[in-house]
Amino acid sequence: MDIRDIHTPVLLERCAELLAPALERPDAVFVDGTLGMGGHSEAFLERFPTARLIGLDRDTDALRIAGERLARFGDRVTLVHTVYDGIAAAVASAGVDKVDGILFDLGVSSLQL
């Protein structure tokens, strides 16, 4: 079974619409602060083909699943095992000095249920 069959990102279209002005510019960088299974990030990477992702999660299983899902985007993806307050260090460790957009999908993780 494909991960896309069991995980649907919440409010995906609305999130993409709100972040579009920041992510449509060339070489935009966005942080998904609650990466989970990578659904939002996958859609953003598809929609904004020059954007780069720094994905954060504290759950190593979520990072593994998201890593498999996002592998096709290659070096446009950096995944970091950290918690929310590690965002500055995660961004710096990715060699980035500013980001153009940040998404926090705050709620219950499907993996935790």
PDB file of N, CA and C in Angstrom:
ATOM      1  N   MET A   1       0.841  -1.180   0.000  1.00  0.00           N
ATOM      2  CA  MET A   1       0.000   0.000   0.000  1.00  0.00           C
ATOM      3  C   MET A   1       0.889   1.247   0.000  1.00  0.00           C
ATOM      4  N   ASP A   2       0.556   2.195  -0.822  1.00  0.00           N
ATOM      5  CA  ASP A   2       1.294   3.449  -0.940  1.00  0.00           C
ATOM      6  C   ASP A   2       0.901   4.394   0.195  1.00  0.00           C
ATOM      7  N   ILE A   3       1.874   5.162   0.699  1.00  0.00           N
ATOM      8  CA  ILE A   3       1.630   6.112   1.789  1.00  0.00           C
ATOM      9  C   ILE A   3       0.536   7.104   1.417  1.00  0.00           C
ATOM     10  N   ARG A   4       0.417   7.428   0.137  1.00  0.00           N
ATOM     11  CA  ARG A   4      -0.602   8.385  -0.313  1.00  0.00           C
ATOM     12  C   ARG A   4      -2.006   7.838  -0.122  1.00  0.00           C
ATOM     13  N   ASP A   5      -2.135   6.517  -0.008  1.00  0.00           N
ATOM     14  CA  ASP A   5      -3.438   5.899   0.203  1.00  0.00           C
ATOM     15  C   ASP A   5      -3.899   6.001   1.656  1.00  0.00           C
ATOM     16  N   ILE A   6      -2.972   6.209   2.575  1.00  0.00           N
ATOM     17  CA  ILE A   6      -3.347   6.247   3.991  1.00  0.00           C
ATOM     18  C   ILE A   6      -3.150   7.606   4.641  1.00  0.00           C
ATOM     19  N   HIS A   7      -2.561   8.560   3.914  1.00  0.00           N
ATOM     20  CA  HIS A   7      -2.310   9.865   4.507  1.00  0.00           C
ATOM     21  C   HIS A   7      -2.704  10.977   3.548  1.00  0.00           C
ATOM     22  N   THR A   8      -3.662  11.794   3.976  1.00  0.00           N
ATOM     23  CA  THR A   8      -4.095  12.951   3.193  1.00  0.00           C
ATOM     24  C   THR A   8      -3.787  14.196   4.005  1.00  0.00           C
ATOM     25  N   PRO A   9      -2.961  15.095   3.489  1.00  0.00           N
ATOM     26  CA  PRO A   9      -2.623  16.316   4.220  1.00  0.00           C
ATOM     27  C   PRO A   9      -3.863  17.189   4.435  1.00  0.00           C
ATOM     28  N   VAL A  10      -3.951  17.784   5.599  1.00  0.00           N
ATOM     29  CA  VAL A  10      -5.082  18.625   5.960  1.00  0.00           C
ATOM     30  C   VAL A  10      -4.936  20.018   5.361  1.00  0.00           C
ATOM     31  N   LEU A  11      -6.001  20.533   4.765  1.00  0.00           N
ATOM     32  CA  LEU A  11      -6.051  21.883   4.191  1.00  0.00           C
ATOM     33  C   LEU A  11      -4.909  22.162   3.223  1.00  0.00           C
ATOM     34  N   LEU A  12      -4.548  21.162   2.464  1.00  0.00           N
ATOM     35  CA  LEU A  12      -3.407  21.273   1.559  1.00  0.00           C
ATOM     36  C   LEU A  12      -3.536  22.439   0.585  1.00  0.00           C
ATOM     37  N   GLU A  13      -4.639  22.526  -0.107  1.00  0.00           N
ATOM     38  CA  GLU A  13      -4.792  23.580  -1.117  1.00  0.00           C
ATOM     39  C   GLU A  13      -4.738  24.970  -0.499  1.00  0.00           C
ATOM     40  N   ARG A  14      -5.360  25.134   0.648  1.00  0.00           N
ATOM     41  CA  ARG A  14      -5.353  26.444   1.306  1.00  0.00           C
ATOM     42  C   ARG A  14      -3.950  26.813   1.773  1.00  0.00           C
ATOM     43  N   CYS A  15      -3.219  25.858   2.311  1.00  0.00           N
ATOM     44  CA  CYS A  15      -1.840  26.123   2.751  1.00  0.00           C
ATOM     45  C   CYS A  15      -0.968  26.516   1.563  1.00  0.00           C
ATOM     46  N   ALA A  16      -1.108  25.799   0.452  1.00  0.00           N
ATOM     47  CA  ALA A  16      -0.315  26.103  -0.746  1.00  0.00           C
ATOM     48  C   ALA A  16      -0.670  27.495  -1.268  1.00  0.00           C
ATOM     49  N   GLU A  17      -1.941  27.824  -1.249  1.00  0.00           N
ATOM     50  CA  GLU A  17      -2.385  29.142  -1.709  1.00  0.00           C
ATOM     51  C   GLU A  17      -1.789  30.256  -0.849  1.00  0.00           C
ATOM     52  N   LEU A  18      -1.780  30.067   0.448  1.00  0.00           N
ATOM     53  CA  LEU A  18      -1.252  31.092   1.349  1.00  0.00           C
ATOM     54  C   LEU A  18       0.264  31.244   1.250  1.00  0.00           C
ATOM     55  N   LEU A  19       0.967  30.153   1.010  1.00  0.00           N
ATOM     56  CA  LEU A  19       2.422  30.205   0.922  1.00  0.00           C
ATOM     57  C   LEU A  19       2.939  30.497  -0.489  1.00  0.00           C
ATOM     58  N   ALA A  20       2.073  30.422  -1.484  1.00  0.00           N
ATOM     59  CA  ALA A  20       2.496  30.607  -2.875  1.00  0.00           C
ATOM     60  C   ALA A  20       3.279  31.896  -3.123  1.00  0.00           C
ATOM     61  N   PRO A  21       2.847  33.050  -2.620  1.00  0.00           N
ATOM     62  CA  PRO A  21       3.625  34.268  -2.911  1.00  0.00           C
ATOM     63  C   PRO A  21       5.091  34.169  -2.466  1.00  0.00           C
ATOM     64  N   ALA A  22       5.351  33.455  -1.395  1.00  0.00           N
ATOM     65  CA  ALA A  22       6.722  33.302  -0.907  1.00  0.00           C
ATOM     66  C   ALA A  22       7.472  32.196  -1.652  1.00  0.00           C
ATOM     67  N   LEU A  23       6.772  31.138  -2.039  1.00  0.00           N
ATOM     68  CA  LEU A  23       7.447  29.968  -2.587  1.00  0.00           C
ATOM     69  C   LEU A  23       7.546  29.956  -4.111  1.00  0.00           C
ATOM     70  N   GLU A  24       6.869  30.879  -4.770  1.00  0.00           N
ATOM     71  CA  GLU A  24       6.942  30.946  -6.232  1.00  0.00           C
ATOM     72  C   GLU A  24       8.238  31.589  -6.717  1.00  0.00           C
ATOM     73  N   ARG A  25       8.930  32.285  -5.856  1.00  0.00           N
ATOM     74  CA  ARG A  25      10.170  32.940  -6.283  1.00  0.00           C
ATOM     75  C   ARG A  25      11.269  31.892  -6.448  1.00  0.00           C
ATOM     76  N   PRO A  26      12.203  32.148  -7.347  1.00  0.00           N
ATOM     77  CA  PRO A  26      13.280  31.176  -7.584  1.00  0.00           C
ATOM     78  C   PRO A  26      14.086  30.883  -6.313  1.00  0.00           C
ATOM     79  N   ASP A  27      14.379  29.620  -6.113  1.00  0.00           N
ATOM     80  CA  ASP A  27      15.227  29.173  -4.998  1.00  0.00           C
ATOM     81  C   ASP A  27      14.664  29.500  -3.616  1.00  0.00           C
ATOM     82  N   ALA A  28      13.355  29.554  -3.497  1.00  0.00           N
ATOM     83  CA  ALA A  28      12.727  29.772  -2.194  1.00  0.00           C
ATOM     84  C   ALA A  28      13.057  28.602  -1.267  1.00  0.00           C
ATOM     85  N   VAL A  29      13.125  28.888   0.019  1.00  0.00           N
ATOM     86  CA  VAL A  29      13.366  27.862   1.032  1.00  0.00           C
ATOM     87  C   VAL A  29      12.182  27.871   1.984  1.00  0.00           C
ATOM     88  N   PHE A  30      11.639  26.696   2.242  1.00  0.00           N
ATOM     89  CA  PHE A  30      10.558  26.609   3.225  1.00  0.00           C
ATOM     90  C   PHE A  30      10.861  25.541   4.249  1.00  0.00           C
ATOM     91  N   VAL A  31      10.334  25.764   5.436  1.00  0.00           N
ATOM     92  CA  VAL A  31      10.489  24.826   6.539  1.00  0.00           C
ATOM     93  C   VAL A  31       9.128  24.208   6.816  1.00  0.00           C
ATOM     94  N   ASP A  32       9.093  22.893   6.855  1.00  0.00           N
ATOM     95  CA  ASP A  32       7.907  22.186   7.330  1.00  0.00           C
ATOM     96  C   ASP A  32       8.267  21.751   8.740  1.00  0.00           C
ATOM     97  N   GLY A  33       7.755  22.489   9.718  1.00  0.00           N
ATOM     98  CA  GLY A  33       8.117  22.279  11.113  1.00  0.00           C
ATOM     99  C   GLY A  33       7.469  21.068  11.746  1.00  0.00           C
ATOM    100  N   THR A  34       6.506  20.489  11.043  1.00  0.00           N
ATOM    101  CA  THR A  34       5.836  19.278  11.502  1.00  0.00           C
ATOM    102  C   THR A  34       5.733  18.337  10.310  1.00  0.00           C
ATOM    103  N   LEU A  35       6.847  17.860   9.843  1.00  0.00           N
ATOM    104  CA  LEU A  35       6.944  17.109   8.597  1.00  0.00           C
ATOM    105  C   LEU A  35       6.009  15.907   8.539  1.00  0.00           C
ATOM    106  N   GLY A  36       5.939  15.144   9.621  1.00  0.00           N
ATOM    107  CA  GLY A  36       5.082  13.954   9.615  1.00  0.00           C
ATOM    108  C   GLY A  36       5.430  13.034   8.468  1.00  0.00           C
ATOM    109  N   MET A  37       4.424  12.617   7.708  1.00  0.00           N
ATOM    110  CA  MET A  37       4.645  11.706   6.584  1.00  0.00           C
ATOM    111  C   MET A  37       4.949  12.446   5.280  1.00  0.00           C
ATOM    112  N   GLY A  38       5.107  13.769   5.345  1.00  0.00           N
ATOM    113  CA  GLY A  38       5.590  14.535   4.204  1.00  0.00           C
ATOM    114  C   GLY A  38       4.577  14.918   3.149  1.00  0.00           C
ATOM    115  N   GLY A  39       3.300  14.819   3.435  1.00  0.00           N
ATOM    116  CA  GLY A  39       2.275  15.114   2.439  1.00  0.00           C
ATOM    117  C   GLY A  39       2.261  16.553   1.964  1.00  0.00           C
ATOM    118  N   HIS A  40       2.278  17.498   2.909  1.00  0.00           N
ATOM    119  CA  HIS A  40       2.314  18.911   2.520  1.00  0.00           C
ATOM    120  C   HIS A  40       3.594  19.207   1.734  1.00  0.00           C
ATOM    121  N   SER A  41       4.703  18.744   2.249  1.00  0.00           N
ATOM    122  CA  SER A  41       5.992  19.027   1.612  1.00  0.00           C
ATOM    123  C   SER A  41       6.065  18.450   0.207  1.00  0.00           C
ATOM    124  N   GLU A  42       5.571  17.242   0.027  1.00  0.00           N
ATOM    125  CA  GLU A  42       5.566  16.650  -1.312  1.00  0.00           C
ATOM    126  C   GLU A  42       4.783  17.533  -2.286  1.00  0.00           C
ATOM    127  N   ALA A  43       3.619  17.957  -1.886  1.00  0.00           N
ATOM    128  CA  ALA A  43       2.791  18.796  -2.760  1.00  0.00           C
ATOM    129  C   ALA A  43       3.466  20.129  -3.047  1.00  0.00           C
ATOM    130  N   PHE A  44       4.100  20.729  -2.043  1.00  0.00           N
ATOM    131  CA  PHE A  44       4.780  22.011  -2.253  1.00  0.00           C
ATOM    132  C   PHE A  44       5.976  21.856  -3.186  1.00  0.00           C
ATOM    133  N   LEU A  45       6.744  20.787  -3.025  1.00  0.00           N
ATOM    134  CA  LEU A  45       7.901  20.555  -3.887  1.00  0.00           C
ATOM    135  C   LEU A  45       7.470  20.322  -5.332  1.00  0.00           C
ATOM    136  N   GLU A  46       6.324  19.679  -5.516  1.00  0.00           N
ATOM    137  CA  GLU A  46       5.788  19.488  -6.866  1.00  0.00           C
ATOM    138  C   GLU A  46       5.310  20.816  -7.451  1.00  0.00           C
ATOM    139  N   ARG A  47       4.599  21.577  -6.673  1.00  0.00           N
ATOM    140  CA  ARG A  47       3.985  22.823  -7.145  1.00  0.00           C
ATOM    141  C   ARG A  47       4.998  23.938  -7.361  1.00  0.00           C
ATOM    142  N   PHE A  48       6.036  23.964  -6.541  1.00  0.00           N
ATOM    143  CA  PHE A  48       7.046  25.018  -6.605  1.00  0.00           C
ATOM    144  C   PHE A  48       8.395  24.356  -6.948  1.00  0.00           C
ATOM    145  N   PRO A  49       8.663  24.154  -8.230  1.00  0.00           N
ATOM    146  CA  PRO A  49       9.769  23.298  -8.659  1.00  0.00           C
ATOM    147  C   PRO A  49      11.178  23.793  -8.364  1.00  0.00           C
ATOM    148  N   THR A  50      11.335  25.033  -7.916  1.00  0.00           N
ATOM    149  CA  THR A  50      12.683  25.469  -7.535  1.00  0.00           C
ATOM    150  C   THR A  50      12.815  25.621  -6.019  1.00  0.00           C
ATOM    151  N   ALA A  51      11.744  25.340  -5.300  1.00  0.00           N
ATOM    152  CA  ALA A  51      11.769  25.496  -3.841  1.00  0.00           C
ATOM    153  C   ALA A  51      12.598  24.387  -3.189  1.00  0.00           C
ATOM    154  N   ARG A  52      13.156  24.717  -2.052  1.00  0.00           N
ATOM    155  CA  ARG A  52      13.943  23.782  -1.248  1.00  0.00           C
ATOM    156  C   ARG A  52      13.246  23.608   0.092  1.00  0.00           C
ATOM    157  N   LEU A  53      13.239  22.396   0.616  1.00  0.00           N
ATOM    158  CA  LEU A  53      12.586  22.055   1.875  1.00  0.00           C
ATOM    159  C   LEU A  53      13.600  21.749   2.963  1.00  0.00           C
ATOM    160  N   ILE A  54      13.328  22.267   4.153  1.00  0.00           N
ATOM    161  CA  ILE A  54      13.980  21.802   5.379  1.00  0.00           C
ATOM    162  C   ILE A  54      12.841  21.252   6.222  1.00  0.00           C
ATOM    163  N   GLY A  55      12.790  19.942   6.358  1.00  0.00           N
ATOM    164  CA  GLY A  55      11.697  19.283   7.068  1.00  0.00           C
ATOM    165  C   GLY A  55      12.140  18.829   8.448  1.00  0.00           C
ATOM    166  N   LEU A  56      11.349  19.177   9.454  1.00  0.00           N
ATOM    167  CA  LEU A  56      11.679  18.855  10.839  1.00  0.00           C
ATOM    168  C   LEU A  56      10.653  17.892  11.431  1.00  0.00           C
ATOM    169  N   ASP A  57      11.133  16.966  12.215  1.00  0.00           N
ATOM    170  CA  ASP A  57      10.230  16.127  13.001  1.00  0.00           C
ATOM    171  C   ASP A  57      11.012  15.496  14.141  1.00  0.00           C
ATOM    172  N   ARG A  58      10.336  15.254  15.233  1.00  0.00           N
ATOM    173  CA  ARG A  58      10.973  14.612  16.381  1.00  0.00           C
ATOM    174  C   ARG A  58      10.833  13.100  16.318  1.00  0.00           C
ATOM    175  N   ASP A  59       9.952  12.616  15.435  1.00  0.00           N
ATOM    176  CA  ASP A  59       9.655  11.194  15.315  1.00  0.00           C
ATOM    177  C   ASP A  59      10.521  10.581  14.215  1.00  0.00           C
ATOM    178  N   THR A  60      11.398   9.684  14.597  1.00  0.00           N
ATOM    179  CA  THR A  60      12.309   9.081  13.611  1.00  0.00           C
ATOM    180  C   THR A  60      11.563   8.218  12.589  1.00  0.00           C
ATOM    181  N   ASP A  61      10.453   7.601  12.989  1.00  0.00           N
ATOM    182  CA  ASP A  61       9.660   6.830  12.024  1.00  0.00           C
ATOM    183  C   ASP A  61       9.058   7.756  10.973  1.00  0.00           C
ATOM    184  N   ALA A  62       8.559   8.907  11.403  1.00  0.00           N
ATOM    185  CA  ALA A  62       8.004   9.886  10.461  1.00  0.00           C
ATOM    186  C   ALA A  62       9.081  10.366   9.502  1.00  0.00           C
ATOM    187  N   LEU A  63      10.268  10.637   9.998  1.00  0.00           N
ATOM    188  CA  LEU A  63      11.366  11.078   9.137  1.00  0.00           C
ATOM    189  C   LEU A  63      11.735  10.018   8.105  1.00  0.00           C
ATOM    190  N   ARG A  64      11.722   8.768   8.507  1.00  0.00           N
ATOM    191  CA  ARG A  64      12.031   7.675   7.581  1.00  0.00           C
ATOM    192  C   ARG A  64      10.976   7.604   6.478  1.00  0.00           C
ATOM    193  N   ILE A  65       9.712   7.645   6.860  1.00  0.00           N
ATOM    194  CA  ILE A  65       8.620   7.574   5.884  1.00  0.00           C
ATOM    195  C   ILE A  65       8.670   8.772   4.944  1.00  0.00           C
ATOM    196  N   ALA A  66       8.817   9.961   5.513  1.00  0.00           N
ATOM    197  CA  ALA A  66       8.888  11.169   4.684  1.00  0.00           C
ATOM    198  C   ALA A  66      10.113  11.126   3.775  1.00  0.00           C
ATOM    199  N   GLY A  67      11.219  10.630   4.287  1.00  0.00           N
ATOM    200  CA  GLY A  67      12.428  10.530   3.479  1.00  0.00           C
ATOM    201  C   GLY A  67      12.218   9.661   2.250  1.00  0.00           C
ATOM    202  N   GLU A  68      11.525   8.542   2.418  1.00  0.00           N
ATOM    203  CA  GLU A  68      11.213   7.670   1.279  1.00  0.00           C
ATOM    204  C   GLU A  68      10.277   8.377   0.307  1.00  0.00           C
ATOM    205  N   ARG A  69       9.287   9.058   0.832  1.00  0.00           N
ATOM    206  CA  ARG A  69       8.296   9.754   0.003  1.00  0.00           C
ATOM    207  C   ARG A  69       8.924  10.893  -0.791  1.00  0.00           C
ATOM    208  N   LEU A  70       9.887  11.571  -0.190  1.00  0.00           N
ATOM    209  CA  LEU A  70      10.470  12.766  -0.798  1.00  0.00           C
ATOM    210  C   LEU A  70      11.799  12.515  -1.507  1.00  0.00           C
ATOM    211  N   ALA A  71      12.255  11.290  -1.530  1.00  0.00           N
ATOM    212  CA  ALA A  71      13.568  10.960  -2.100  1.00  0.00           C
ATOM    213  C   ALA A  71      13.709  11.432  -3.550  1.00  0.00           C
ATOM    214  N   ARG A  72      12.641  11.416  -4.288  1.00  0.00           N
ATOM    215  CA  ARG A  72      12.719  11.799  -5.708  1.00  0.00           C
ATOM    216  C   ARG A  72      13.073  13.264  -5.918  1.00  0.00           C
ATOM    217  N   PHE A  73      12.999  14.072  -4.859  1.00  0.00           N
ATOM    218  CA  PHE A  73      13.338  15.487  -4.973  1.00  0.00           C
ATOM    219  C   PHE A  73      14.820  15.761  -4.698  1.00  0.00           C
ATOM    220  N   GLY A  74      15.557  14.716  -4.372  1.00  0.00           N
ATOM    221  CA  GLY A  74      17.006  14.803  -4.228  1.00  0.00           C
ATOM    222  C   GLY A  74      17.494  15.866  -3.270  1.00  0.00           C
ATOM    223  N   ASP A  75      18.445  16.681  -3.734  1.00  0.00           N
ATOM    224  CA  ASP A  75      19.091  17.655  -2.853  1.00  0.00           C
ATOM    225  C   ASP A  75      18.235  18.885  -2.554  1.00  0.00           C
ATOM    226  N   ARG A  76      16.999  18.888  -3.024  1.00  0.00           N
ATOM    227  CA  ARG A  76      16.066  19.959  -2.643  1.00  0.00           C
ATOM    228  C   ARG A  76      15.474  19.705  -1.257  1.00  0.00           C
ATOM    229  N   VAL A  77      15.785  18.558  -0.670  1.00  0.00           N
ATOM    230  CA  VAL A  77      15.200  18.144   0.609  1.00  0.00           C
ATOM    231  C   VAL A  77      16.290  17.917   1.645  1.00  0.00           C
ATOM    232  N   THR A  78      16.107  18.546   2.805  1.00  0.00           N
ATOM    233  CA  THR A  78      16.959  18.306   3.966  1.00  0.00           C
ATOM    234  C   THR A  78      16.035  17.956   5.125  1.00  0.00           C
ATOM    235  N   LEU A  79      16.205  16.789   5.704  1.00  0.00           N
ATOM    236  CA  LEU A  79      15.378  16.364   6.838  1.00  0.00           C
ATOM    237  C   LEU A  79      16.212  16.397   8.107  1.00  0.00           C
ATOM    238  N   VAL A  80      15.600  16.914   9.169  1.00  0.00           N
ATOM    239  CA  VAL A  80      16.324  17.094  10.431  1.00  0.00           C
ATOM    240  C   VAL A  80      15.502  16.530  11.586  1.00  0.00           C
ATOM    241  N   HIS A  81      16.137  15.710  12.392  1.00  0.00           N
ATOM    242  CA  HIS A  81      15.508  15.174  13.600  1.00  0.00           C
ATOM    243  C   HIS A  81      15.660  16.198  14.718  1.00  0.00           C
ATOM    244  N   THR A  82      14.576  16.891  15.022  1.00  0.00           N
ATOM    245  CA  THR A  82      14.611  17.927  16.056  1.00  0.00           C
ATOM    246  C   THR A  82      13.193  18.267  16.503  1.00  0.00           C
ATOM    247  N   VAL A  83      13.109  19.085  17.522  1.00  0.00           N
ATOM    248  CA  VAL A  83      11.833  19.610  18.016  1.00  0.00           C
ATOM    249  C   VAL A  83      11.704  21.066  17.574  1.00  0.00           C
ATOM    250  N   TYR A  84      10.541  21.682  17.843  1.00  0.00           N
ATOM    251  CA  TYR A  84      10.266  23.044  17.372  1.00  0.00           C
ATOM    252  C   TYR A  84      11.357  24.042  17.697  1.00  0.00           C
ATOM    253  N   ASP A  85      11.845  24.012  18.929  1.00  0.00           N
ATOM    254  CA  ASP A  85      12.819  25.042  19.302  1.00  0.00           C
ATOM    255  C   ASP A  85      14.199  24.801  18.690  1.00  0.00           C
ATOM    256  N   GLY A  86      14.334  23.738  17.911  1.00  0.00           N
ATOM    257  CA  GLY A  86      15.576  23.490  17.187  1.00  0.00           C
ATOM    258  C   GLY A  86      15.565  24.039  15.771  1.00  0.00           C
ATOM    259  N   ILE A  87      14.551  24.826  15.437  1.00  0.00           N
ATOM    260  CA  ILE A  87      14.402  25.303  14.062  1.00  0.00           C
ATOM    261  C   ILE A  87      15.597  26.139  13.604  1.00  0.00           C
ATOM    262  N   ALA A  88      16.093  27.050  14.423  1.00  0.00           N
ATOM    263  CA  ALA A  88      17.213  27.912  14.019  1.00  0.00           C
ATOM    264  C   ALA A  88      18.463  27.076  13.737  1.00  0.00           C
ATOM    265  N   ALA A  89      18.755  26.123  14.603  1.00  0.00           N
ATOM    266  CA  ALA A  89      19.926  25.265  14.401  1.00  0.00           C
ATOM    267  C   ALA A  89      19.750  24.385  13.165  1.00  0.00           C
ATOM    268  N   ALA A  90      18.534  23.899  12.927  1.00  0.00           N
ATOM    269  CA  ALA A  90      18.279  23.058  11.757  1.00  0.00           C
ATOM    270  C   ALA A  90      18.484  23.838  10.464  1.00  0.00           C
ATOM    271  N   VAL A  91      17.986  25.057  10.436  1.00  0.00           N
ATOM    272  CA  VAL A  91      18.137  25.907   9.251  1.00  0.00           C
ATOM    273  C   VAL A  91      19.618  26.220   9.020  1.00  0.00           C
ATOM    274  N   ALA A  92      20.311  26.583  10.086  1.00  0.00           N
ATOM    275  CA  ALA A  92      21.736  26.895   9.971  1.00  0.00           C
ATOM    276  C   ALA A  92      22.536  25.679   9.512  1.00  0.00           C
ATOM    277  N   SER A  93      22.203  24.496  10.035  1.00  0.00           N
ATOM    278  CA  SER A  93      22.939  23.281   9.659  1.00  0.00           C
ATOM    279  C   SER A  93      22.706  22.912   8.194  1.00  0.00           C
ATOM    280  N   ALA A  94      21.611  23.414   7.618  1.00  0.00           N
ATOM    281  CA  ALA A  94      21.330  23.174   6.199  1.00  0.00           C
ATOM    282  C   ALA A  94      22.031  24.205   5.316  1.00  0.00           C
ATOM    283  N   GLY A  95      22.793  25.118   5.948  1.00  0.00           N
ATOM    284  CA  GLY A  95      23.521  26.125   5.191  1.00  0.00           C
ATOM    285  C   GLY A  95      22.654  27.257   4.676  1.00  0.00           C
ATOM    286  N   VAL A  96      21.567  27.503   5.363  1.00  0.00           N
ATOM    287  CA  VAL A  96      20.603  28.525   4.949  1.00  0.00           C
ATOM    288  C   VAL A  96      20.617  29.660   5.962  1.00  0.00           C
ATOM    289  N   ASP A  97      20.586  30.903   5.466  1.00  0.00           N
ATOM    290  CA  ASP A  97      20.574  32.036   6.402  1.00  0.00           C
ATOM    291  C   ASP A  97      19.214  32.713   6.530  1.00  0.00           C
ATOM    292  N   LYS A  98      18.260  32.356   5.641  1.00  0.00           N
ATOM    293  CA  LYS A  98      16.893  32.855   5.783  1.00  0.00           C
ATOM    294  C   LYS A  98      15.941  31.901   5.082  1.00  0.00           C
ATOM    295  N   VAL A  99      14.703  31.900   5.532  1.00  0.00           N
ATOM    296  CA  VAL A  99      13.684  31.072   4.885  1.00  0.00           C
ATOM    297  C   VAL A  99      12.572  31.983   4.369  1.00  0.00           C
ATOM    298  N   ASP A 100      11.849  31.470   3.395  1.00  0.00           N
ATOM    299  CA  ASP A 100      10.790  32.255   2.767  1.00  0.00           C
ATOM    300  C   ASP A 100       9.405  31.888   3.280  1.00  0.00           C
ATOM    301  N   GLY A 101       9.266  30.714   3.858  1.00  0.00           N
ATOM    302  CA  GLY A 101       7.977  30.288   4.383  1.00  0.00           C
ATOM    303  C   GLY A 101       8.155  29.177   5.391  1.00  0.00           C
ATOM    304  N   ILE A 102       7.212  29.120   6.327  1.00  0.00           N
ATOM    305  CA  ILE A 102       7.228  28.077   7.364  1.00  0.00           C
ATOM    306  C   ILE A 102       5.813  27.546   7.524  1.00  0.00           C
ATOM    307  N   LEU A 103       5.699  26.228   7.593  1.00  0.00           N
ATOM    308  CA  LEU A 103       4.412  25.575   7.827  1.00  0.00           C
ATOM    309  C   LEU A 103       4.503  24.755   9.107  1.00  0.00           C
ATOM    310  N   PHE A 104       3.548  24.957   9.982  1.00  0.00           N
ATOM    311  CA  PHE A 104       3.373  24.108  11.158  1.00  0.00           C
ATOM    312  C   PHE A 104       1.956  23.560  11.100  1.00  0.00           C
ATOM    313  N   ASP A 105       1.813  22.277  10.827  1.00  0.00           N
ATOM    314  CA  ASP A 105       0.513  21.615  10.815  1.00  0.00           C
ATOM    315  C   ASP A 105       0.306  21.045  12.212  1.00  0.00           C
ATOM    316  N   LEU A 106      -0.221  21.875  13.088  1.00  0.00           N
ATOM    317  CA  LEU A 106      -0.358  21.499  14.496  1.00  0.00           C
ATOM    318  C   LEU A 106      -1.630  20.692  14.710  1.00  0.00           C
ATOM    319  N   GLY A 107      -1.461  19.512  15.186  1.00  0.00           N
ATOM    320  CA  GLY A 107      -2.598  18.621  15.423  1.00  0.00           C
ATOM    321  C   GLY A 107      -2.070  17.239  15.750  1.00  0.00           C
ATOM    322  N   VAL A 108      -2.961  16.287  15.740  1.00  0.00           N
ATOM    323  CA  VAL A 108      -2.595  14.917  16.060  1.00  0.00           C
ATOM    324  C   VAL A 108      -1.953  14.271  14.842  1.00  0.00           C
ATOM    325  N   SER A 109      -0.837  13.605  15.064  1.00  0.00           N
ATOM    326  CA  SER A 109      -0.144  12.903  13.987  1.00  0.00           C
ATOM    327  C   SER A 109      -0.804  11.554  13.741  1.00  0.00           C
ATOM    328  N   SER A 110      -1.039  11.235  12.479  1.00  0.00           N
ATOM    329  CA  SER A 110      -1.614   9.935  12.129  1.00  0.00           C
ATOM    330  C   SER A 110      -0.756   8.793  12.648  1.00  0.00           C
ATOM    331  N   LEU A 111       0.556   8.977  12.624  1.00  0.00           N
ATOM    332  CA  LEU A 111       1.450   7.922  13.114  1.00  0.00           C
ATOM    333  C   LEU A 111       1.293   7.694  14.611  1.00  0.00           C
ATOM    334  N   GLN A 112       0.929   8.722  15.340  1.00  0.00           N
ATOM    335  CA  GLN A 112       0.809   8.577  16.787  1.00  0.00           C
ATOM    336  C   GLN A 112      -0.488   7.871  17.194  1.00  0.00           C
ATOM    337  N   LEU A 113      -1.460   7.877  16.302  1.00  0.00           N
ATOM    338  CA  LEU A 113      -2.725   7.223  16.598  1.00  0.00           C
ATOM    339  C   LEU A 113      -2.590   5.728  16.374  1.00  0.00           C
TER     340      LEU A 113
END
